[in-house]
Amino acid sequence: MAAKLSGPGGQGGKTIEQNADINVTPFVDIMLVLLIIFMVAAPLATVSIRLDLPPATPPSPDDVQKEPVYISIQESGSIFIADQQTTIETLVPDVCAALGGGNPGCKEERVFVRAQPEVKYNQFMEVMNALQDQGFYKVGLLNEDIT
């Protein structure tokens, strides 16, 4: 009596190949169950809170923000406030004048600075430093072409 311990063992040379594919059926079943659980639980998680909001009131004329002032720096170094040319020495008074006179709150208004791409960094920073030294802290930088 002899026993063969390895090989196809009477299958006529046929071997059973291993299947390396992942069986995704249990995974899909679990995902569908979780989807149903979350669909049922989601409406229960919403909580409504009653809010008593005050009625809307229009803003007072003092609260309405004015149009911002645009400071443009040209490649030649010339500075413009809207369409009016100015210098670095008279920049701050001209900005306050453009914001609506010499009111003391002019430094709380918005000011936008834009420069041509060819403007040197020191020219740009000279304008920014002049504004900051005089108390203009709401300064925005615009990235657009000046035409």
Protein backbone atom coordinates (compact mmCIF):
# COMPACT_ATOMS: atom_id res chain seq x y z
CA MET A 1 0.00 0.00 0.00
CA ALA A 2 1.46 3.18 -1.15
CA ALA A 3 0.11 6.67 -0.72
CA LYS A 4 0.99 9.65 -2.80
CA LEU A 5 1.38 12.68 -0.58
CA SER A 6 1.86 15.42 -3.23
CA GLY A 7 0.72 16.13 -6.73
CA PRO A 8 -2.64 16.07 -8.43
CA GLY A 9 -3.65 12.80 -6.72
CA GLY A 10 -5.72 11.03 -9.31
CA GLN A 11 -7.13 14.07 -11.06
CA GLY A 12 -5.63 13.16 -14.34
CA GLY A 13 -2.95 15.87 -14.19
CA LYS A 14 -5.38 18.67 -13.35
CA THR A 15 -4.63 20.98 -10.46
CA ILE A 16 -6.85 23.43 -8.66
CA GLU A 17 -5.63 26.99 -9.25
CA GLN A 18 -5.73 29.56 -6.52
CA ASN A 19 -8.14 32.45 -6.88
CA ALA A 20 -6.47 35.74 -5.92
CA ASP A 21 -9.52 37.95 -6.55
CA ILE A 22 -11.16 39.73 -3.65
CA ASN A 23 -14.72 38.74 -2.96
CA VAL A 24 -16.47 42.13 -2.81
CA THR A 25 -19.98 40.84 -2.11
CA PRO A 26 -19.67 40.98 1.70
CA PHE A 27 -18.08 44.42 1.41
CA VAL A 28 -20.99 45.73 -0.68
CA ASP A 29 -23.48 44.23 1.76
CA ILE A 30 -21.83 45.98 4.69
CA MET A 31 -21.74 49.30 2.84
CA LEU A 32 -25.44 49.07 1.98
CA VAL A 33 -26.31 48.33 5.60
CA LEU A 34 -24.23 51.30 6.76
CA LEU A 35 -25.88 53.52 4.15
CA ILE A 36 -29.34 52.56 5.40
CA ILE A 37 -28.31 53.15 9.02
CA PHE A 38 -26.97 56.63 8.21
CA MET A 39 -30.04 57.50 6.13
CA VAL A 40 -32.28 56.61 9.05
CA ALA A 41 -30.08 58.29 11.68
CA ALA A 42 -29.43 61.56 9.80
CA PRO A 43 -32.92 63.07 10.23
CA LEU A 44 -32.79 62.24 13.94
CA ALA A 45 -29.53 64.17 14.35
CA THR A 46 -31.00 67.50 13.25
CA VAL A 47 -32.04 69.71 16.10
CA SER A 48 -34.10 72.82 15.61
CA ILE A 49 -33.59 75.83 17.84
CA ARG A 50 -36.08 78.62 17.98
CA LEU A 51 -34.56 82.04 17.44
CA ASP A 52 -36.26 85.33 18.06
CA LEU A 53 -34.39 87.71 15.80
CA PRO A 54 -34.96 91.45 15.94
CA PRO A 55 -36.49 93.07 12.87
CA ALA A 56 -34.11 94.37 10.25
CA THR A 57 -33.40 98.08 10.33
CA PRO A 58 -31.75 100.05 7.56
CA PRO A 59 -28.24 101.30 8.34
CA SER A 60 -27.82 104.90 9.36
CA PRO A 61 -26.03 107.25 6.97
CA ASP A 62 -22.98 107.19 9.25
CA ASP A 63 -22.71 103.38 8.96
CA VAL A 64 -22.73 103.32 5.16
CA GLN A 65 -19.20 102.82 3.88
CA LYS A 66 -17.92 105.22 1.32
CA GLU A 67 -16.45 104.19 -1.98
CA PRO A 68 -12.82 103.20 -1.57
CA VAL A 69 -9.97 105.27 -2.91
CA TYR A 70 -7.71 103.68 -5.50
CA ILE A 71 -4.04 104.64 -5.47
CA SER A 72 -2.25 103.72 -8.69
CA ILE A 73 1.51 103.58 -9.07
CA GLN A 74 2.86 103.95 -12.60
CA GLU A 75 6.09 102.49 -13.95
CA SER A 76 7.62 105.97 -14.07
CA GLY A 77 7.06 106.34 -10.33
CA SER A 78 4.17 108.76 -10.60
CA ILE A 79 1.31 108.23 -8.15
CA PHE A 80 -2.35 108.77 -8.96
CA ILE A 81 -5.38 108.93 -6.69
CA ALA A 82 -8.22 108.03 -9.05
CA ASP A 83 -7.31 110.32 -12.00
CA GLN A 84 -5.50 113.02 -10.00
CA GLN A 85 -1.72 112.93 -9.87
CA THR A 86 -0.03 113.36 -6.51
CA THR A 87 3.39 113.01 -4.92
CA ILE A 88 4.60 110.92 -2.00
CA GLU A 89 4.76 114.07 0.18
CA THR A 90 1.13 115.05 -0.45
CA LEU A 91 -0.21 111.49 -0.66
CA VAL A 92 -1.91 111.36 2.74
CA PRO A 93 -3.69 114.76 2.55
CA ASP A 94 -4.82 113.94 -0.99
CA VAL A 95 -6.16 110.56 0.11
CA CYS A 96 -8.11 112.22 2.96
CA ALA A 97 -9.44 114.81 0.50
CA ALA A 98 -10.53 112.04 -1.89
CA LEU A 99 -12.29 110.26 0.98
CA GLY A 100 -14.56 113.24 1.58
CA GLY A 101 -12.67 116.16 3.00
CA GLY A 102 -10.34 116.41 5.92
CA ASN A 103 -12.57 114.59 8.40
CA PRO A 104 -10.62 113.01 11.25
CA GLY A 105 -12.03 109.55 10.49
CA CYS A 106 -10.56 109.40 7.01
CA LYS A 107 -7.86 107.01 8.20
CA GLU A 108 -10.51 104.42 9.10
CA GLU A 109 -11.71 104.13 5.48
CA ARG A 110 -10.60 101.57 2.92
CA VAL A 111 -7.77 102.39 0.53
CA PHE A 112 -6.69 100.17 -2.36
CA VAL A 113 -3.21 100.25 -3.89
CA ARG A 114 -2.45 98.90 -7.33
CA ALA A 115 0.75 99.09 -9.33
CA GLN A 116 1.87 98.28 -12.81
CA PRO A 117 3.91 95.06 -13.08
CA GLU A 118 7.07 97.01 -13.95
CA VAL A 119 7.00 99.12 -10.77
CA LYS A 120 10.04 98.57 -8.60
CA TYR A 121 9.55 97.14 -5.15
CA ASN A 122 11.02 100.17 -3.36
CA GLN A 123 8.58 102.53 -5.13
CA PHE A 124 5.67 100.37 -4.06
CA MET A 125 6.88 100.02 -0.47
CA GLU A 126 7.46 103.78 -0.26
CA VAL A 127 3.74 104.33 -0.86
CA MET A 128 2.77 101.57 1.57
CA ASN A 129 5.07 102.93 4.28
CA ALA A 130 3.78 106.47 3.80
CA LEU A 131 0.21 105.27 4.27
CA GLN A 132 1.04 103.14 7.30
CA ASP A 133 3.12 105.87 8.95
CA GLN A 134 0.13 108.20 8.80
CA GLY A 135 -2.29 105.64 10.28
CA PHE A 136 -3.91 104.04 7.23
CA TYR A 137 -4.23 100.39 8.23
CA LYS A 138 -7.15 99.33 6.01
CA VAL A 139 -5.08 99.06 2.86
CA GLY A 140 -5.90 96.48 0.23
CA LEU A 141 -3.67 95.37 -2.61
CA LEU A 142 -5.14 94.92 -6.07
CA ASN A 143 -3.73 92.50 -8.58
CA GLU A 144 -5.01 93.75 -11.89
CA ASP A 145 -3.67 95.40 -15.00
CA ILE A 146 -3.82 99.16 -15.27
CA THR A 147 -4.88 100.12 -18.76
